[in-house]
Amino acid sequence: MGHIIKTPAGTFRANWRDPSGSQRAKTFRTRKEAAAYLAATETTVSQGTYVDPAAGKVRFSTYAERWLASRSVETTTLAGWTSRLRARLLPQWGTWPVGRINHLAVQEWITRMGRELSPSTVASCHSLLSSILASAVRGRLIAFNPCEGVRLPAQRKRAGGIVPLTLDQVTELLLPSVPDWHRPVVAAAAGAGLRWGECLGLRWADIDLPDDDQDATLTVRRVVIEVNGHATDKPYPKTAQSRRVVPVPPFLRAELARHRKRANPDEADRVFTNQAGDPMLRSNFRRQVWRPSLVRAGLLGEVTETGPHRFRATWRDREGVEWSAEFNTHREAAAHVAVKAAGGLRFHDLRHGYATYLISSGVPVNVVQAVMGHEQASTTLNRYTHTPADFHRVIRGVFADPADDPLTKKDDRRSVDPQSGGEDTR
């Protein structure tokens, strides 16, 4: 049982034992305050919710480092957490005692970040802070998680949403604009729905290109992950369902066949590398290959010839303001637009387009789910299928040959039984 004693200074000290049996004490101005605190403390001890008043004095930076070191997660996840912790959380909370972090302070921090950063970035920072402080609650350092109930900025959808390319746009606009060496990796994303890491994880032993185009396949067995500018192999894909065999369409088969002749590889060699034979880094590919290819394909900004050795680059920034500049070569103009223009198709959008094309062509969703490597069909439908650009043509095609009765197929109309002379009502 706890007890209260009066000190020589005239104050009142509440004494109790914590769950470990250690003696604890706290001094108050009046006996009433001491009695109320002692009663509340003994209740938490008996209910198993006791929090040591001194535990919350540990600095957030100290506890966060311990929390991070205790995690057992994928390398890419750990790298992302570490980056956000160093860049966003520690500058704000590093010197704060964990017990001093309160709901209002967290809300103010979230609101400030929301003025400068994207909603998704703010949400990821909040999630990390909440996870760390939830661990502190479970460790009895603090009584509750101050991140609970914090209002986050509303998620903004991309302007215009994702508008997937049609198959004709891929084969007639995009692929011819991509440099020969890198064209097959773009074709793999557009023609097989592969993620970036899955593309880079392919070996030539995973590619089966028989003489019959109908039987060509590729097998996803591993991926490449990129952490801090270094690409490394991961011997298994994102999920169990991601390990899959995907049929190869003719345009992808042609690109892979040409690439194999050009590279002359062994079976164990990577299918897609930079021209030095090393795994490609995503940031370099995006800057040097992907976005300039979009400009050349007419899918990002515009480059027009204005005279002999003069090219005008035109683009729009994030605010929708149009800019232009003159250059001596088409290459310089395209490179400038690639850097300055806002938005533009992402490499991963080719995977979205692949799913949309299959669903729009009548492929059952469970089959699309299988070739996409999704665990749930809802992911395929909700995230990876979009309204195709030519949906007007698709809808008109449904009504191109209307029946007399839209609810009755022609083959289902009643026929006459020639033997009985009456109607066949089967």
Protein backbone atom coordinates (compact mmCIF):
# COMPACT_ATOMS: atom_id res chain seq x y z
CA MET A 1 0.00 0.00 0.00
CA GLY A 2 1.17 3.52 -0.70
CA HIS A 3 1.35 6.14 1.98
CA ILE A 4 1.73 9.90 2.42
CA ILE A 5 4.17 11.65 4.74
CA LYS A 6 4.63 15.29 5.57
CA THR A 7 8.10 16.63 4.85
CA PRO A 8 10.06 19.07 7.05
CA ALA A 9 9.39 21.71 4.39
CA GLY A 10 5.65 21.40 4.95
CA THR A 11 4.90 19.60 1.66
CA PHE A 12 3.43 16.11 1.29
CA ARG A 13 5.21 13.18 -0.30
CA ALA A 14 3.24 10.35 -1.92
CA ASN A 15 5.11 7.03 -1.71
CA TRP A 16 4.32 3.84 -3.68
CA ARG A 17 5.96 0.79 -5.22
CA ASP A 18 6.01 0.31 -9.01
CA PRO A 19 5.32 -3.08 -10.68
CA SER A 20 8.98 -4.07 -10.24
CA GLY A 21 8.80 -3.46 -6.49
CA SER A 22 10.97 -0.35 -6.52
CA GLN A 23 10.08 2.48 -4.16
CA ARG A 24 8.80 5.62 -5.89
CA ALA A 25 7.83 9.03 -4.52
CA LYS A 26 6.52 12.40 -5.63
CA THR A 27 6.02 15.60 -3.59
CA PHE A 28 2.90 17.81 -3.64
CA ARG A 29 1.89 21.12 -2.06
CA THR A 30 -1.16 19.71 -0.30
CA ARG A 31 -2.21 16.38 1.19
CA LYS A 32 -5.30 16.35 -1.04
CA GLU A 33 -3.18 16.54 -4.21
CA ALA A 34 -0.87 13.83 -2.94
CA ALA A 35 -3.80 11.56 -2.04
CA ALA A 36 -5.44 11.99 -5.46
CA TYR A 37 -2.18 11.24 -7.28
CA LEU A 38 -1.47 8.22 -5.09
CA ALA A 39 -4.93 6.79 -5.67
CA ALA A 40 -4.63 7.19 -9.45
CA THR A 41 -1.15 5.67 -9.46
CA GLU A 42 -2.16 2.62 -7.42
CA THR A 43 -5.05 2.07 -9.83
CA THR A 44 -2.71 1.99 -12.84
CA VAL A 45 -0.40 -0.42 -11.01
CA SER A 46 -3.25 -2.81 -10.27
CA GLN A 47 -4.62 -2.56 -13.84
CA GLY A 48 -1.23 -3.05 -15.47
CA THR A 49 -1.21 0.39 -17.12
CA TYR A 50 1.37 2.00 -14.85
CA VAL A 51 3.77 4.51 -16.46
CA ASP A 52 6.92 5.54 -14.63
CA PRO A 53 6.89 9.36 -14.36
CA ALA A 54 10.64 9.43 -15.03
CA ALA A 55 10.45 7.16 -18.10
CA GLY A 56 9.06 9.87 -20.36
CA LYS A 57 12.16 12.00 -19.81
CA VAL A 58 14.18 9.98 -22.34
CA ARG A 59 14.89 12.06 -25.42
CA PHE A 60 13.02 11.20 -28.60
CA SER A 61 16.28 10.88 -30.59
CA THR A 62 17.59 8.24 -28.17
CA TYR A 63 14.40 6.21 -28.18
CA ALA A 64 13.92 6.51 -31.96
CA GLU A 65 17.43 5.16 -32.64
CA ARG A 66 16.74 2.17 -30.38
CA TRP A 67 13.38 1.62 -32.07
CA LEU A 68 14.93 1.71 -35.54
CA ALA A 69 17.70 -0.71 -34.58
CA SER A 70 15.13 -3.18 -33.25
CA ARG A 71 13.12 -3.41 -36.48
CA SER A 72 13.35 -6.49 -38.69
CA VAL A 73 12.06 -5.33 -42.08
CA GLU A 74 13.04 -5.27 -45.74
CA THR A 75 16.13 -3.27 -46.62
CA THR A 76 14.17 -0.80 -48.71
CA THR A 77 11.67 -0.21 -45.89
CA LEU A 78 14.46 0.38 -43.38
CA ALA A 79 16.18 2.81 -45.75
CA GLY A 80 12.95 4.78 -46.18
CA TRP A 81 12.39 4.98 -42.42
CA THR A 82 15.96 6.06 -41.80
CA SER A 83 15.72 8.80 -44.42
CA ARG A 84 12.45 10.21 -43.02
CA LEU A 85 13.73 10.00 -39.45
CA ARG A 86 16.89 11.95 -40.27
CA ALA A 87 15.26 14.52 -42.56
CA ARG A 88 11.89 15.19 -40.87
CA LEU A 89 11.44 13.72 -37.40
CA LEU A 90 14.74 14.32 -35.60
CA PRO A 91 15.02 18.03 -36.57
CA GLN A 92 11.61 18.59 -34.95
CA TRP A 93 11.45 16.10 -32.07
CA GLY A 94 15.03 14.95 -31.48
CA THR A 95 15.65 16.98 -28.30
CA TRP A 96 12.12 16.60 -26.89
CA PRO A 97 11.55 14.22 -23.95
CA VAL A 98 9.15 11.56 -25.19
CA GLY A 99 6.69 12.43 -22.43
CA ARG A 100 6.57 16.07 -23.52
CA ILE A 101 5.31 15.35 -27.03
CA ASN A 102 1.61 16.18 -27.01
CA HIS A 103 -1.30 16.03 -29.43
CA LEU A 104 -1.38 19.77 -30.16
CA ALA A 105 2.35 19.93 -30.89
CA VAL A 106 2.03 17.02 -33.33
CA GLN A 107 -0.96 18.65 -35.06
CA GLU A 108 0.95 21.92 -35.46
CA TRP A 109 3.92 20.05 -36.95
CA ILE A 110 1.68 18.21 -39.42
CA THR A 111 0.00 21.46 -40.47
CA ARG A 112 3.35 23.17 -41.10
CA MET A 113 4.61 20.29 -43.22
CA GLY A 114 1.36 20.24 -45.17
CA ARG A 115 2.11 23.74 -46.48
CA GLU A 116 5.36 22.60 -48.07
CA LEU A 117 5.20 18.87 -48.74
CA SER A 118 2.84 16.54 -50.57
CA PRO A 119 0.04 14.90 -48.55
CA SER A 120 1.58 11.47 -49.07
CA THR A 121 4.93 12.63 -47.66
CA VAL A 122 3.23 14.20 -44.65
CA ALA A 123 1.24 11.00 -44.07
CA SER A 124 4.37 8.86 -44.19
CA CYS A 125 6.12 11.10 -41.63
CA HIS A 126 3.09 10.97 -39.33
CA SER A 127 2.91 7.19 -39.68
CA LEU A 128 6.56 6.79 -38.69
CA LEU A 129 6.22 9.09 -35.66
CA SER A 130 3.05 7.29 -34.60
CA SER A 131 4.75 3.88 -34.84
CA ILE A 132 7.66 5.03 -32.67
CA LEU A 133 5.40 6.57 -30.03
CA ALA A 134 3.08 3.53 -30.08
CA SER A 135 6.12 1.49 -29.14
CA ALA A 136 6.79 3.94 -26.31
CA VAL A 137 3.22 3.38 -25.07
CA ARG A 138 3.73 -0.39 -25.09
CA GLY A 139 7.04 0.12 -23.26
CA ARG A 140 5.23 2.12 -20.55
CA LEU A 141 7.23 5.27 -21.27
CA ILE A 142 4.08 7.28 -22.00
CA ALA A 143 0.44 6.70 -21.24
CA PHE A 144 -1.03 7.33 -24.69
CA ASN A 145 0.01 8.02 -28.29
CA PRO A 146 -0.26 11.78 -29.05
CA CYS A 147 -0.45 11.01 -32.80
CA GLU A 148 -3.91 9.50 -32.45
CA GLY A 149 -6.64 11.75 -33.80
CA VAL A 150 -4.27 14.08 -35.67
CA ARG A 151 -5.85 15.35 -38.90
CA LEU A 152 -3.74 14.87 -42.01
CA PRO A 153 -3.85 16.90 -45.25
CA ALA A 154 -6.32 15.51 -47.78
CA GLN A 155 -4.74 13.28 -50.39
CA ARG A 156 -4.74 14.97 -53.80
CA LYS A 157 -5.13 12.83 -56.86
CA ARG A 158 -2.81 13.45 -59.76
CA ALA A 159 -4.14 16.13 -62.10
CA GLY A 160 -6.35 14.38 -64.60
CA GLY A 161 -5.62 11.05 -62.91
CA ILE A 162 -3.67 8.32 -64.64
CA VAL A 163 -4.52 8.21 -68.33
CA PRO A 164 -3.02 4.93 -69.56
CA LEU A 165 -1.54 4.69 -73.02
CA THR A 166 -3.33 2.54 -75.57
CA LEU A 167 -1.46 -0.33 -77.16
CA ASP A 168 -1.11 1.70 -80.37
CA GLN A 169 0.40 4.63 -78.45
CA VAL A 170 2.93 2.28 -76.85
CA THR A 171 4.00 0.60 -80.08
CA GLU A 172 3.73 3.57 -82.47
CA LEU A 173 4.70 6.56 -80.29
CA LEU A 174 6.58 5.55 -77.16
CA LEU A 175 8.76 2.60 -78.15
CA PRO A 176 10.18 4.19 -81.33
CA SER A 177 11.20 7.20 -79.19
CA VAL A 178 13.20 5.13 -76.68
CA PRO A 179 16.90 4.44 -77.42
CA ASP A 180 17.47 0.96 -78.87
CA TRP A 181 19.36 -0.41 -75.86
CA HIS A 182 16.62 0.56 -73.39
CA ARG A 183 13.59 -0.15 -75.57
CA PRO A 184 13.14 -3.76 -74.34
CA VAL A 185 12.75 -2.77 -70.66
CA VAL A 186 10.00 -0.30 -71.59
CA ALA A 187 8.36 -3.00 -73.70
CA ALA A 188 8.49 -5.42 -70.75
CA ALA A 189 6.60 -3.00 -68.51
CA ALA A 190 4.03 -2.23 -71.22
CA GLY A 191 3.67 -5.75 -72.64
CA ALA A 192 3.99 -7.88 -69.49
CA GLY A 193 3.02 -5.47 -66.70
CA LEU A 194 6.32 -5.89 -64.86
CA ARG A 195 7.39 -3.63 -62.02
CA TRP A 196 10.75 -1.84 -62.35
CA GLY A 197 12.50 -4.18 -59.91
CA GLU A 198 11.00 -7.22 -61.65
CA CYS A 199 12.33 -6.03 -65.00
CA LEU A 200 15.84 -5.68 -63.62
CA GLY A 201 15.65 -9.04 -61.85
CA LEU A 202 15.08 -10.98 -65.07
CA ARG A 203 17.79 -13.35 -66.29
CA TRP A 204 17.94 -14.80 -69.78
CA ALA A 205 17.12 -18.21 -68.27
CA ASP A 206 13.75 -16.69 -67.31
CA ILE A 207 12.92 -15.85 -70.94
CA ASP A 208 11.43 -18.53 -73.20
CA LEU A 209 11.17 -17.44 -76.85
CA PRO A 210 10.26 -20.49 -78.96
CA ASP A 211 9.67 -20.22 -82.68
CA ASP A 212 5.92 -20.08 -82.08
CA ASP A 213 5.05 -16.57 -80.91
CA GLN A 214 2.00 -17.89 -79.06
CA ASP A 215 4.13 -19.86 -76.57
CA ALA A 216 6.64 -17.15 -75.57
CA THR A 217 6.74 -16.53 -71.81
CA LEU A 218 8.83 -14.89 -69.12
CA THR A 219 9.06 -15.94 -65.48
CA VAL A 220 9.34 -13.54 -62.55
CA ARG A 221 11.53 -15.19 -59.90
CA ARG A 222 13.52 -12.37 -58.29
CA VAL A 223 13.78 -8.58 -58.18
CA VAL A 224 16.43 -5.89 -57.88
CA ILE A 225 16.11 -3.36 -55.07
CA GLU A 226 17.82 0.03 -54.93
CA VAL A 227 18.98 1.51 -51.63
CA ASN A 228 21.09 4.65 -51.31
CA GLY A 229 22.13 4.54 -54.95
CA HIS A 230 23.15 0.86 -54.92
CA ALA A 231 21.23 -1.89 -56.73
CA THR A 232 21.24 -5.38 -55.22
CA ASP A 233 19.47 -8.64 -55.99
CA LYS A 234 16.63 -9.90 -53.84
CA PRO A 235 16.04 -13.64 -54.36
CA TYR A 236 12.26 -13.39 -54.17
CA PRO A 237 9.69 -10.91 -55.53
CA LYS A 238 7.32 -8.60 -53.65
CA THR A 239 4.78 -11.28 -52.64
CA ALA A 240 4.24 -15.00 -53.17
CA GLN A 241 1.76 -14.17 -55.95
CA SER A 242 4.40 -12.01 -57.65
CA ARG A 243 6.32 -15.16 -58.58
CA ARG A 244 4.56 -15.89 -61.85
CA VAL A 245 4.76 -16.83 -65.53
CA VAL A 246 3.60 -14.13 -67.96
CA PRO A 247 2.75 -14.63 -71.64
CA VAL A 248 4.85 -12.47 -73.97
CA PRO A 249 2.99 -10.53 -76.69
CA PRO A 250 4.51 -10.31 -80.19
CA PHE A 251 5.91 -6.77 -79.91
CA LEU A 252 7.73 -7.64 -76.67
CA ARG A 253 8.97 -10.91 -78.14
CA ALA A 254 10.47 -9.03 -81.08
CA GLU A 255 12.24 -6.56 -78.77
CA LEU A 256 13.63 -9.33 -76.56
CA ALA A 257 14.83 -11.34 -79.56
CA ARG A 258 16.67 -8.34 -81.01
CA HIS A 259 18.12 -7.51 -77.60
CA ARG A 260 19.43 -11.06 -77.12
CA LYS A 261 21.21 -10.98 -80.46
CA ARG A 262 22.71 -7.59 -79.65
CA ALA A 263 23.84 -8.54 -76.14
CA ASN A 264 24.88 -12.16 -76.91
CA PRO A 265 24.40 -13.16 -73.26
CA ASP A 266 24.77 -16.29 -71.14
CA GLU A 267 21.66 -17.80 -69.54
CA ALA A 268 22.63 -16.41 -66.11
CA ASP A 269 23.19 -12.86 -67.36
CA ARG A 270 20.77 -10.04 -66.60
CA VAL A 271 18.35 -9.20 -69.38
CA PHE A 272 18.26 -5.45 -68.70
CA THR A 273 21.39 -3.53 -67.75
CA ASN A 274 23.04 -0.26 -68.60
CA GLN A 275 25.44 -0.39 -71.53
CA ALA A 276 28.31 -1.13 -69.14
CA GLY A 277 26.53 -4.32 -68.09
CA ASP A 278 25.63 -3.13 -64.58
CA PRO A 279 22.11 -2.92 -63.07
CA MET A 280 20.40 0.33 -63.98
CA LEU A 281 19.63 2.88 -61.29
CA ARG A 282 16.05 4.08 -61.43
CA SER A 283 16.89 7.76 -60.96
CA ASN A 284 19.46 7.70 -63.77
CA PHE A 285 17.08 5.87 -66.11
CA ARG A 286 14.30 8.34 -65.38
CA ARG A 287 16.51 11.37 -65.99
CA GLN A 288 18.60 10.15 -68.93
CA VAL A 289 16.22 7.82 -70.80
CA TRP A 290 12.60 7.87 -69.70
CA ARG A 291 11.62 11.54 -69.61
CA PRO A 292 13.57 12.55 -72.75
CA SER A 293 11.81 9.66 -74.53
CA LEU A 294 8.43 11.04 -73.46
CA VAL A 295 9.36 14.41 -74.96
CA ARG A 296 10.43 12.82 -78.26
CA ALA A 297 7.16 10.84 -78.33
CA GLY A 298 5.11 14.02 -77.88
CA LEU A 299 3.87 12.87 -74.47
CA LEU A 300 5.58 15.58 -72.42
CA GLY A 301 5.92 19.22 -73.42
CA GLU A 302 6.72 20.09 -77.03
CA VAL A 303 9.79 20.68 -79.19
CA THR A 304 9.35 22.44 -82.54
CA GLU A 305 11.87 23.43 -85.19
CA THR A 306 11.81 27.20 -85.68
CA GLY A 307 14.66 27.55 -88.15
CA PRO A 308 18.04 26.15 -89.22
CA HIS A 309 19.59 24.68 -86.08
CA ARG A 310 16.96 26.34 -83.88
CA PHE A 311 14.45 24.45 -81.74
CA ARG A 312 11.86 25.85 -79.38
CA ALA A 313 11.13 23.91 -76.19
CA THR A 314 7.71 24.50 -74.60
CA TRP A 315 6.52 23.10 -71.28
CA ARG A 316 4.27 23.77 -68.29
CA ASP A 317 5.38 24.00 -64.66
CA ARG A 318 3.57 22.71 -61.56
CA GLU A 319 1.34 25.78 -61.48
CA GLY A 320 0.25 25.28 -65.08
CA VAL A 321 2.26 28.25 -66.36
CA GLU A 322 3.64 27.78 -69.88
CA TRP A 323 7.35 28.45 -70.55
CA SER A 324 9.54 28.25 -73.62
CA ALA A 325 13.20 28.52 -74.58
CA GLU A 326 15.33 28.28 -77.75
CA PHE A 327 18.10 25.71 -78.31
CA ASN A 328 20.54 24.81 -81.08
CA THR A 329 19.71 21.08 -81.18
CA HIS A 330 16.60 18.96 -80.73
CA ARG A 331 18.46 16.90 -78.13
CA GLU A 332 19.18 19.93 -75.95
CA ALA A 333 15.58 21.13 -76.22
CA ALA A 334 14.18 17.69 -75.32
CA ALA A 335 16.54 17.35 -72.36
CA HIS A 336 15.48 20.76 -71.06
CA VAL A 337 11.78 19.93 -71.28
CA ALA A 338 12.43 16.59 -69.56
CA VAL A 339 13.92 18.44 -66.56
CA LYS A 340 11.60 21.43 -66.37
CA ALA A 341 8.17 20.06 -67.30
CA ALA A 342 5.84 19.03 -64.49
CA GLY A 343 4.01 15.72 -64.42
CA GLY A 344 4.36 13.26 -67.23
CA LEU A 345 3.83 9.53 -67.53
CA ARG A 346 5.68 7.44 -64.94
CA PHE A 347 7.40 4.18 -65.84
CA HIS A 348 5.06 2.39 -63.40
CA ASP A 349 2.07 3.80 -65.33
CA LEU A 350 2.89 1.29 -68.08
CA ARG A 351 1.88 -1.42 -65.60
CA HIS A 352 -1.40 0.44 -65.00
CA GLY A 353 -1.94 0.61 -68.75
CA TYR A 354 -1.26 -3.11 -69.13
CA ALA A 355 -3.98 -3.99 -66.62
CA THR A 356 -6.42 -1.51 -68.14
CA TYR A 357 -5.84 -2.88 -71.63
CA LEU A 358 -6.49 -6.47 -70.49
CA ILE A 359 -9.64 -5.62 -68.53
CA SER A 360 -10.99 -3.45 -71.37
CA SER A 361 -10.37 -6.32 -73.81
CA GLY A 362 -12.54 -8.68 -71.79
CA VAL A 363 -9.88 -10.69 -69.94
CA PRO A 364 -11.43 -11.96 -66.66
CA VAL A 365 -10.23 -10.06 -63.62
CA ASN A 366 -8.93 -13.21 -61.90
CA VAL A 367 -6.68 -13.85 -64.90
CA VAL A 368 -5.44 -10.25 -64.88
CA GLN A 369 -4.82 -10.59 -61.15
CA ALA A 370 -2.65 -13.65 -61.80
CA VAL A 371 -0.46 -12.10 -64.50
CA MET A 372 -0.11 -8.88 -62.49
CA GLY A 373 1.00 -10.80 -59.39
CA HIS A 374 -1.60 -9.30 -57.06
CA GLU A 375 -2.73 -10.99 -53.86
CA GLN A 376 -6.28 -9.63 -54.20
CA ALA A 377 -8.45 -8.93 -57.22
CA SER A 378 -9.61 -5.70 -55.56
CA THR A 379 -6.08 -4.32 -55.97
CA THR A 380 -6.25 -5.06 -59.69
CA LEU A 381 -9.60 -3.32 -60.08
CA ASN A 382 -9.19 -0.40 -57.71
CA ARG A 383 -5.59 0.65 -58.34
CA TYR A 384 -4.52 -0.70 -61.68
CA THR A 385 -7.45 -0.29 -64.03
CA HIS A 386 -8.46 3.08 -65.39
CA THR A 387 -10.81 4.52 -67.96
CA PRO A 388 -9.10 4.01 -71.35
CA ALA A 389 -8.54 7.08 -73.51
CA ASP A 390 -10.67 5.57 -76.30
CA PHE A 391 -13.62 4.57 -74.08
CA HIS A 392 -16.07 6.33 -76.43
CA ARG A 393 -15.12 3.90 -79.21
CA VAL A 394 -15.51 0.95 -76.85
CA ILE A 395 -19.01 2.02 -75.82
CA ARG A 396 -20.09 2.70 -79.42
CA GLY A 397 -18.87 -0.76 -80.37
CA VAL A 398 -21.32 -2.33 -77.93
CA PHE A 399 -24.23 -0.70 -79.79
CA ALA A 400 -22.83 -1.13 -83.29
CA ASP A 401 -25.01 -4.19 -84.02
CA PRO A 402 -28.10 -3.88 -81.78
CA ALA A 403 -30.57 -6.70 -81.52
CA ASP A 404 -34.33 -6.29 -81.68
CA ASP A 405 -34.47 -7.16 -77.98
CA PRO A 406 -31.33 -5.99 -76.12
CA LEU A 407 -32.03 -8.47 -73.33
CA THR A 408 -32.25 -11.50 -75.62
CA LYS A 409 -29.42 -12.93 -77.66
CA LYS A 410 -30.24 -13.95 -81.22
CA ASP A 411 -29.23 -17.56 -80.52
CA ASP A 412 -31.68 -17.73 -77.60
CA ARG A 413 -34.82 -16.95 -79.62
CA ARG A 414 -37.45 -19.68 -79.72
CA SER A 415 -37.10 -22.15 -82.58
CA VAL A 416 -39.59 -24.55 -84.09
CA ASP A 417 -39.32 -28.30 -83.57
CA PRO A 418 -39.62 -29.74 -87.16
CA GLN A 419 -41.03 -33.10 -85.91
CA SER A 420 -43.80 -31.73 -83.74
CA GLY A 421 -44.53 -28.63 -85.73
CA GLY A 422 -44.76 -26.71 -82.51
CA GLU A 423 -42.43 -24.39 -80.64
CA ASP A 424 -39.28 -25.73 -79.02
CA THR A 425 -39.48 -24.28 -75.54
CA ARG A 426 -36.27 -25.75 -74.18
